[in-house]
Amino acid sequence: MNANVEILLSDEERQPVECWTRVMGYFRPVSHFNKGKKSEYAERVWFKESKAFAEQSVCHCVASK
């Protein structure tokens, strides 16, 4: 099979995906959240370790001069 072939699916062929997240130490499906918790979930900022490490290194170098 050619790796560059794009597969197109109609809406009838798709399956819904259930997103789970960790809340208070355990995992729970986002679909079971109430309106307020769904709003909090939408406002979350995703953490990227490589970016945080780079920013920490820059701050450390500037502070040491």
C-alpha atoms as a PDB file:
ATOM      1  CA  MET A   1       0.000   0.000   0.000  1.00  0.00           C
ATOM      2  CA  ASN A   2       1.268   3.450  -0.889  1.00  0.00           C
ATOM      3  CA  ALA A   3       1.992   5.625   2.184  1.00  0.00           C
ATOM      4  CA  ASN A   4       0.853   8.810   0.381  1.00  0.00           C
ATOM      5  CA  VAL A   5      -2.736   7.624  -0.177  1.00  0.00           C
ATOM      6  CA  GLU A   6      -5.277   9.676   1.772  1.00  0.00           C
ATOM      7  CA  ILE A   7      -8.236   7.711   3.108  1.00  0.00           C
ATOM      8  CA  LEU A   8     -11.529   9.606   3.133  1.00  0.00           C
ATOM      9  CA  LEU A   9     -14.425   8.443   5.300  1.00  0.00           C
ATOM     10  CA  SER A  10     -18.027   9.556   5.199  1.00  0.00           C
ATOM     11  CA  ASP A  11     -19.690  10.659   8.438  1.00  0.00           C
ATOM     12  CA  GLU A  12     -21.580   7.345   8.595  1.00  0.00           C
ATOM     13  CA  GLU A  13     -18.273   5.403   8.639  1.00  0.00           C
ATOM     14  CA  ARG A  14     -16.749   7.396  11.500  1.00  0.00           C
ATOM     15  CA  GLN A  15     -16.887   6.411  15.164  1.00  0.00           C
ATOM     16  CA  PRO A  16     -17.075   8.921  18.015  1.00  0.00           C
ATOM     17  CA  VAL A  17     -13.957   9.182  20.163  1.00  0.00           C
ATOM     18  CA  GLU A  18     -14.307   9.372  23.917  1.00  0.00           C
ATOM     19  CA  CYS A  19     -11.777  11.654  25.579  1.00  0.00           C
ATOM     20  CA  TRP A  20     -10.694  10.809  29.148  1.00  0.00           C
ATOM     21  CA  THR A  21      -8.783  13.052  31.526  1.00  0.00           C
ATOM     22  CA  ARG A  22      -7.411  12.844  35.047  1.00  0.00           C
ATOM     23  CA  VAL A  23      -9.519  14.562  37.708  1.00  0.00           C
ATOM     24  CA  MET A  24      -8.639  14.504  41.411  1.00  0.00           C
ATOM     25  CA  GLY A  25      -6.345  11.490  41.032  1.00  0.00           C
ATOM     26  CA  TYR A  26      -8.510   9.279  38.822  1.00  0.00           C
ATOM     27  CA  PHE A  27      -9.514   9.140  35.149  1.00  0.00           C
ATOM     28  CA  ARG A  28     -12.965  10.136  33.953  1.00  0.00           C
ATOM     29  CA  PRO A  29     -14.589  10.616  30.531  1.00  0.00           C
ATOM     30  CA  VAL A  30     -15.028  14.260  29.581  1.00  0.00           C
ATOM     31  CA  SER A  31     -18.525  13.463  28.286  1.00  0.00           C
ATOM     32  CA  HIS A  32     -19.643  12.866  31.921  1.00  0.00           C
ATOM     33  CA  PHE A  33     -18.517  16.321  33.090  1.00  0.00           C
ATOM     34  CA  ASN A  34     -21.065  18.943  34.066  1.00  0.00           C
ATOM     35  CA  LYS A  35     -21.222  22.304  32.257  1.00  0.00           C
ATOM     36  CA  GLY A  36     -18.730  24.028  34.594  1.00  0.00           C
ATOM     37  CA  LYS A  37     -16.140  21.243  34.480  1.00  0.00           C
ATOM     38  CA  LYS A  38     -16.382  21.100  30.658  1.00  0.00           C
ATOM     39  CA  SER A  39     -15.673  24.844  30.608  1.00  0.00           C
ATOM     40  CA  GLU A  40     -12.611  24.366  32.855  1.00  0.00           C
ATOM     41  CA  TYR A  41     -11.394  21.525  30.626  1.00  0.00           C
ATOM     42  CA  ALA A  42     -11.693  23.738  27.514  1.00  0.00           C
ATOM     43  CA  GLU A  43      -9.546  26.451  29.167  1.00  0.00           C
ATOM     44  CA  ARG A  44      -6.656  24.137  30.097  1.00  0.00           C
ATOM     45  CA  VAL A  45      -3.182  24.894  28.777  1.00  0.00           C
ATOM     46  CA  TRP A  46      -1.187  21.916  27.545  1.00  0.00           C
ATOM     47  CA  PHE A  47       2.280  21.580  29.092  1.00  0.00           C
ATOM     48  CA  LYS A  48       5.307  20.989  26.824  1.00  0.00           C
ATOM     49  CA  GLU A  49       8.393  19.899  28.723  1.00  0.00           C
ATOM     50  CA  SER A  50      10.891  20.865  26.016  1.00  0.00           C
ATOM     51  CA  LYS A  51       9.530  24.435  25.840  1.00  0.00           C
ATOM     52  CA  ALA A  52       9.485  24.798  29.641  1.00  0.00           C
ATOM     53  CA  PHE A  53      13.075  23.521  29.874  1.00  0.00           C
ATOM     54  CA  ALA A  54      14.237  25.971  27.191  1.00  0.00           C
ATOM     55  CA  GLU A  55      12.560  28.894  28.971  1.00  0.00           C
ATOM     56  CA  GLN A  56      14.089  27.844  32.301  1.00  0.00           C
ATOM     57  CA  SER A  57      17.566  27.685  30.744  1.00  0.00           C
ATOM     58  CA  VAL A  58      17.211  31.180  29.268  1.00  0.00           C
ATOM     59  CA  CYS A  59      16.002  32.640  32.574  1.00  0.00           C
ATOM     60  CA  HIS A  60      18.832  30.953  34.455  1.00  0.00           C
ATOM     61  CA  CYS A  61      21.477  32.309  32.094  1.00  0.00           C
ATOM     62  CA  VAL A  62      20.115  35.866  32.255  1.00  0.00           C
ATOM     63  CA  ALA A  63      19.897  35.793  36.055  1.00  0.00           C
ATOM     64  CA  SER A  64      23.464  34.542  36.460  1.00  0.00           C
ATOM     65  CA  LYS A  65      25.049  37.442  34.511  1.00  0.00           C
END
